Amino acid sequence: MIKKMLLVCVCLIALSVCFTGCNNNQILDTADKNNTLNDTLPKYELNTADYTEISF
């Protein structure tokens, strides 16, 4: 019985941490900022005739 109660308590704590830690507004704000930044960056097109510009 004690093990079951401990398991329930651990599950409740884990779920509460997950739901409070994952704030959708912050994720959406970051996604909007990334999209606006991506729009301001110059577009690069790979030269498919000459792949020597790729180096590792």
N, C-alpha and C. Protein backbone atom coordinates (compact mmCIF):
# COMPACT_ATOMS: atom_id res chain seq x y z
N MET A 1 0.82 -1.20 0.00
CA MET A 1 0.00 0.00 0.00
C MET A 1 0.86 1.26 0.00
N ILE A 2 1.94 1.22 0.78
CA ILE A 2 2.82 2.39 0.85
C ILE A 2 3.52 2.60 -0.48
N LYS A 3 3.90 1.52 -1.14
CA LYS A 3 4.58 1.64 -2.43
C LYS A 3 3.65 2.23 -3.48
N LYS A 4 2.37 1.86 -3.44
CA LYS A 4 1.40 2.41 -4.38
C LYS A 4 1.21 3.91 -4.16
N MET A 5 1.12 4.30 -2.91
CA MET A 5 0.96 5.73 -2.59
C MET A 5 2.20 6.52 -3.01
N LEU A 6 3.37 5.94 -2.80
CA LEU A 6 4.61 6.59 -3.21
C LEU A 6 4.66 6.75 -4.73
N LEU A 7 4.24 5.72 -5.44
CA LEU A 7 4.21 5.77 -6.90
C LEU A 7 3.23 6.84 -7.38
N VAL A 8 2.07 6.93 -6.76
CA VAL A 8 1.08 7.95 -7.13
C VAL A 8 1.63 9.34 -6.87
N CYS A 9 2.29 9.53 -5.73
CA CYS A 9 2.86 10.85 -5.41
C CYS A 9 3.95 11.24 -6.40
N VAL A 10 4.81 10.29 -6.74
CA VAL A 10 5.88 10.57 -7.71
C VAL A 10 5.28 10.92 -9.06
N CYS A 11 4.26 10.19 -9.47
CA CYS A 11 3.62 10.48 -10.76
C CYS A 11 2.96 11.85 -10.76
N LEU A 12 2.30 12.20 -9.68
CA LEU A 12 1.67 13.52 -9.61
C LEU A 12 2.70 14.64 -9.64
N ILE A 13 3.79 14.46 -8.93
CA ILE A 13 4.84 15.48 -8.94
C ILE A 13 5.45 15.60 -10.33
N ALA A 14 5.71 14.48 -10.98
CA ALA A 14 6.29 14.51 -12.32
C ALA A 14 5.35 15.18 -13.32
N LEU A 15 4.08 14.88 -13.24
CA LEU A 15 3.12 15.50 -14.15
C LEU A 15 3.00 17.00 -13.89
N SER A 16 3.01 17.41 -12.64
CA SER A 16 2.90 18.83 -12.35
C SER A 16 4.13 19.59 -12.83
N VAL A 17 5.31 18.97 -12.72
CA VAL A 17 6.53 19.61 -13.23
C VAL A 17 6.47 19.73 -14.74
N CYS A 18 5.99 18.69 -15.41
CA CYS A 18 5.90 18.72 -16.87
C CYS A 18 4.93 19.79 -17.35
N PHE A 19 3.77 19.88 -16.71
CA PHE A 19 2.77 20.84 -17.17
C PHE A 19 3.13 22.27 -16.83
N THR A 20 3.80 22.50 -15.73
CA THR A 20 4.18 23.87 -15.39
C THR A 20 5.45 24.30 -16.10
N GLY A 21 6.30 23.33 -16.44
CA GLY A 21 7.56 23.67 -17.11
C GLY A 21 7.40 23.90 -18.59
N CYS A 22 6.40 23.33 -19.19
CA CYS A 22 6.19 23.47 -20.63
C CYS A 22 5.13 24.53 -20.88
N ASN A 23 5.56 25.76 -20.87
CA ASN A 23 4.65 26.86 -21.10
C ASN A 23 4.56 27.11 -22.60
N ASN A 24 3.39 26.90 -23.18
CA ASN A 24 3.22 27.02 -24.63
C ASN A 24 3.43 28.44 -25.12
N ASN A 25 3.14 29.45 -24.31
CA ASN A 25 3.32 30.83 -24.75
C ASN A 25 4.79 31.13 -25.00
N GLN A 26 5.66 30.63 -24.15
CA GLN A 26 7.09 30.87 -24.35
C GLN A 26 7.58 30.17 -25.61
N ILE A 27 7.08 28.97 -25.85
CA ILE A 27 7.49 28.24 -27.05
C ILE A 27 7.01 28.96 -28.31
N LEU A 28 5.78 29.45 -28.28
CA LEU A 28 5.26 30.18 -29.44
C LEU A 28 6.00 31.49 -29.66
N ASP A 29 6.35 32.20 -28.59
CA ASP A 29 7.10 33.44 -28.73
C ASP A 29 8.47 33.19 -29.35
N THR A 30 9.12 32.13 -28.91
CA THR A 30 10.43 31.79 -29.47
C THR A 30 10.31 31.41 -30.94
N ALA A 31 9.27 30.68 -31.28
CA ALA A 31 9.06 30.30 -32.68
C ALA A 31 8.81 31.53 -33.54
N ASP A 32 8.03 32.48 -33.04
CA ASP A 32 7.78 33.72 -33.80
C ASP A 32 9.07 34.51 -33.99
N LYS A 33 9.88 34.60 -32.95
CA LYS A 33 11.16 35.32 -33.06
C LYS A 33 12.08 34.64 -34.06
N ASN A 34 12.11 33.30 -34.04
CA ASN A 34 12.95 32.58 -34.99
C ASN A 34 12.48 32.78 -36.43
N ASN A 35 11.17 32.81 -36.63
CA ASN A 35 10.64 33.03 -37.98
C ASN A 35 10.97 34.42 -38.49
N THR A 36 10.85 35.44 -37.65
CA THR A 36 11.18 36.79 -38.10
C THR A 36 12.68 36.92 -38.36
N LEU A 37 13.49 36.26 -37.55
CA LEU A 37 14.94 36.29 -37.78
C LEU A 37 15.27 35.57 -39.08
N ASN A 38 14.63 34.46 -39.34
CA ASN A 38 14.87 33.70 -40.55
C ASN A 38 14.50 34.51 -41.80
N ASP A 39 13.46 35.34 -41.70
CA ASP A 39 13.06 36.16 -42.84
C ASP A 39 14.09 37.25 -43.14
N THR A 40 14.84 37.70 -42.15
CA THR A 40 15.81 38.76 -42.37
C THR A 40 17.16 38.24 -42.86
N LEU A 41 17.40 36.94 -42.73
CA LEU A 41 18.68 36.39 -43.15
C LEU A 41 18.72 36.25 -44.67
N PRO A 42 19.92 36.41 -45.26
CA PRO A 42 20.00 36.24 -46.72
C PRO A 42 19.83 34.78 -47.12
N LYS A 43 19.23 34.59 -48.26
CA LYS A 43 19.01 33.24 -48.78
C LYS A 43 20.26 32.77 -49.50
N TYR A 44 20.65 31.54 -49.28
CA TYR A 44 21.83 30.97 -49.92
C TYR A 44 21.40 29.81 -50.80
N GLU A 45 21.92 29.80 -52.00
CA GLU A 45 21.61 28.73 -52.92
C GLU A 45 22.88 27.97 -53.23
N LEU A 46 22.83 26.67 -53.08
CA LEU A 46 23.99 25.82 -53.31
C LEU A 46 24.27 25.71 -54.80
N ASN A 47 25.54 25.85 -55.12
CA ASN A 47 25.98 25.70 -56.50
C ASN A 47 26.05 24.20 -56.81
N THR A 48 25.04 23.70 -57.51
CA THR A 48 24.98 22.26 -57.78
C THR A 48 25.95 21.83 -58.88
N ALA A 49 26.48 22.76 -59.62
CA ALA A 49 27.43 22.40 -60.67
C ALA A 49 28.81 22.11 -60.09
N ASP A 50 29.13 22.76 -58.94
CA ASP A 50 30.45 22.61 -58.35
C ASP A 50 30.29 22.42 -56.84
N TYR A 51 30.46 21.19 -56.38
CA TYR A 51 30.29 20.89 -54.96
C TYR A 51 31.57 21.09 -54.15
N THR A 52 32.61 21.69 -54.72
CA THR A 52 33.86 21.87 -53.99
C THR A 52 33.73 22.93 -52.90
N GLU A 53 32.66 23.73 -52.92
CA GLU A 53 32.49 24.73 -51.86
C GLU A 53 32.09 24.10 -50.53
N ILE A 54 31.70 22.82 -50.56
CA ILE A 54 31.36 22.11 -49.33
C ILE A 54 32.62 21.46 -48.79
N SER A 55 32.94 21.77 -47.56
CA SER A 55 34.11 21.16 -46.94
C SER A 55 33.73 20.65 -45.56
N PHE A 56 34.40 19.62 -45.13
CA PHE A 56 34.13 19.02 -43.83
C PHE A 56 35.30 19.17 -42.93
